[in-house]
Amino acid sequence: MKVLHQSQFFISYQCDKQRCFFIEFPHKRIKLSFCQLLAFRQQVKEIDLNAHFNGQNPHGLEMLMLCNRQHFFVFSTLECIDLKEFITGSFAMLELNSLLTTPF
């Protein structure tokens, strides 16, 4: 397994042998197919950080279900900020890896 990207709270791995991805959360590691990773990215993009700071989300929590309801996560505002940056960085590294391994 190769580390794709690491942030304060999360680590993403790419496993070429199993053709899948892993995301390590503070207390759990989950396995994702590429389609599941894309779905996760979409969920993260839909998190409205402005609501955390303008009073619309006073509790400062976000809940996400992954992989057909196999995993349920609750993220704080700080984790949501980190998660958005983490997903962006992970996909940037995937794109960079694909450019480096593609023959010209």
Protein backbone atom coordinates (compact mmCIF):
# COMPACT_ATOMS: atom_id res chain seq x y z
CA MET A 1 0.00 0.00 0.00
CA LYS A 2 1.17 3.46 -0.87
CA VAL A 3 0.29 6.56 1.14
CA LEU A 4 -1.51 8.99 -1.13
CA HIS A 5 -2.07 11.89 1.23
CA GLN A 6 -1.96 12.59 4.93
CA SER A 7 -3.57 15.37 6.94
CA GLN A 8 -3.89 16.11 10.62
CA PHE A 9 -6.73 13.60 11.15
CA PHE A 10 -6.80 11.37 8.04
CA ILE A 11 -4.55 9.22 5.85
CA SER A 12 -5.40 7.82 2.41
CA TYR A 13 -3.72 4.78 0.89
CA GLN A 14 -3.81 3.26 -2.58
CA CYS A 15 -3.47 -0.50 -2.89
CA ASP A 16 -2.60 -1.54 -6.45
CA LYS A 17 -2.67 -5.22 -5.55
CA GLN A 18 -6.30 -5.14 -4.36
CA ARG A 19 -7.26 -2.26 -6.70
CA CYS A 20 -8.82 -0.28 -3.90
CA PHE A 21 -8.25 2.60 -1.52
CA PHE A 22 -8.13 2.85 2.24
CA ILE A 23 -8.90 5.84 4.39
CA GLU A 24 -7.69 5.86 7.94
CA PHE A 25 -9.85 7.86 10.31
CA PRO A 26 -8.82 8.55 13.92
CA HIS A 27 -10.35 5.26 15.15
CA LYS A 28 -11.04 3.22 12.04
CA ARG A 29 -9.65 2.22 8.64
CA ILE A 30 -12.10 1.58 5.81
CA LYS A 31 -11.66 0.02 2.39
CA LEU A 32 -13.19 1.82 -0.61
CA SER A 33 -13.54 1.07 -4.28
CA PHE A 34 -12.91 3.97 -6.63
CA CYS A 35 -16.66 4.52 -7.04
CA GLN A 36 -17.10 4.63 -3.27
CA LEU A 37 -14.22 7.09 -3.03
CA LEU A 38 -15.94 9.32 -5.60
CA ALA A 39 -19.19 9.13 -3.65
CA PHE A 40 -17.33 10.05 -0.46
CA ARG A 41 -15.74 13.02 -2.21
CA GLN A 42 -19.19 14.22 -3.25
CA GLN A 43 -20.48 13.96 0.33
CA VAL A 44 -17.50 15.95 1.59
CA LYS A 45 -17.99 18.62 -1.09
CA GLU A 46 -21.59 19.06 0.09
CA ILE A 47 -20.54 19.96 3.65
CA ASP A 48 -21.39 23.63 4.17
CA LEU A 49 -18.63 25.09 6.33
CA ASN A 50 -20.29 28.51 6.33
CA ALA A 51 -23.17 27.01 8.29
CA HIS A 52 -20.71 26.08 11.04
CA PHE A 53 -19.70 29.70 11.48
CA ASN A 54 -22.86 31.71 10.84
CA GLY A 55 -25.09 30.00 13.41
CA GLN A 56 -27.02 27.69 11.07
CA ASN A 57 -25.13 24.69 12.46
CA PRO A 58 -24.69 25.64 16.14
CA HIS A 59 -23.67 22.16 17.28
CA GLY A 60 -20.78 22.11 14.77
CA LEU A 61 -21.20 18.47 13.75
CA GLU A 62 -21.59 16.71 10.41
CA MET A 63 -22.77 13.13 9.98
CA LEU A 64 -21.79 11.03 6.98
CA MET A 65 -22.74 7.48 6.03
CA LEU A 66 -20.38 5.60 3.72
CA CYS A 67 -20.37 2.43 1.66
CA ASN A 68 -24.09 1.70 1.57
CA ARG A 69 -24.55 2.46 5.26
CA GLN A 70 -21.72 0.22 6.44
CA HIS A 71 -19.91 3.11 8.14
CA PHE A 72 -21.26 6.09 10.05
CA PHE A 73 -19.05 9.03 11.03
CA VAL A 74 -19.61 12.19 13.03
CA PHE A 75 -17.14 15.00 12.34
CA SER A 76 -16.53 18.20 14.27
CA THR A 77 -16.02 21.56 12.54
CA LEU A 78 -12.24 21.23 12.74
CA GLU A 79 -12.38 17.71 11.29
CA CYS A 80 -14.68 18.92 8.47
CA ILE A 81 -12.20 21.62 7.50
CA ASP A 82 -9.39 19.07 7.52
CA LEU A 83 -11.53 16.52 5.65
CA LYS A 84 -12.22 18.94 2.79
CA GLU A 85 -8.51 19.68 2.40
CA PHE A 86 -7.68 15.99 2.76
CA ILE A 87 -10.03 14.91 -0.04
CA THR A 88 -8.73 17.63 -2.35
CA GLY A 89 -5.13 16.58 -1.63
CA SER A 90 -5.88 12.88 -2.08
CA PHE A 91 -7.44 13.40 -5.51
CA ALA A 92 -4.62 15.73 -6.52
CA MET A 93 -2.13 12.98 -5.68
CA LEU A 94 -4.19 10.43 -7.62
CA GLU A 95 -4.10 12.68 -10.66
CA LEU A 96 -0.38 13.27 -10.27
CA ASN A 97 0.26 9.52 -9.95
CA SER A 98 -1.73 8.83 -13.10
CA LEU A 99 0.26 11.45 -15.02
CA LEU A 100 3.55 9.96 -13.85
CA THR A 101 2.65 6.38 -14.73
CA THR A 102 1.02 7.10 -18.09
CA PRO A 103 3.43 6.47 -20.99
CA PHE A 104 3.86 9.34 -23.42
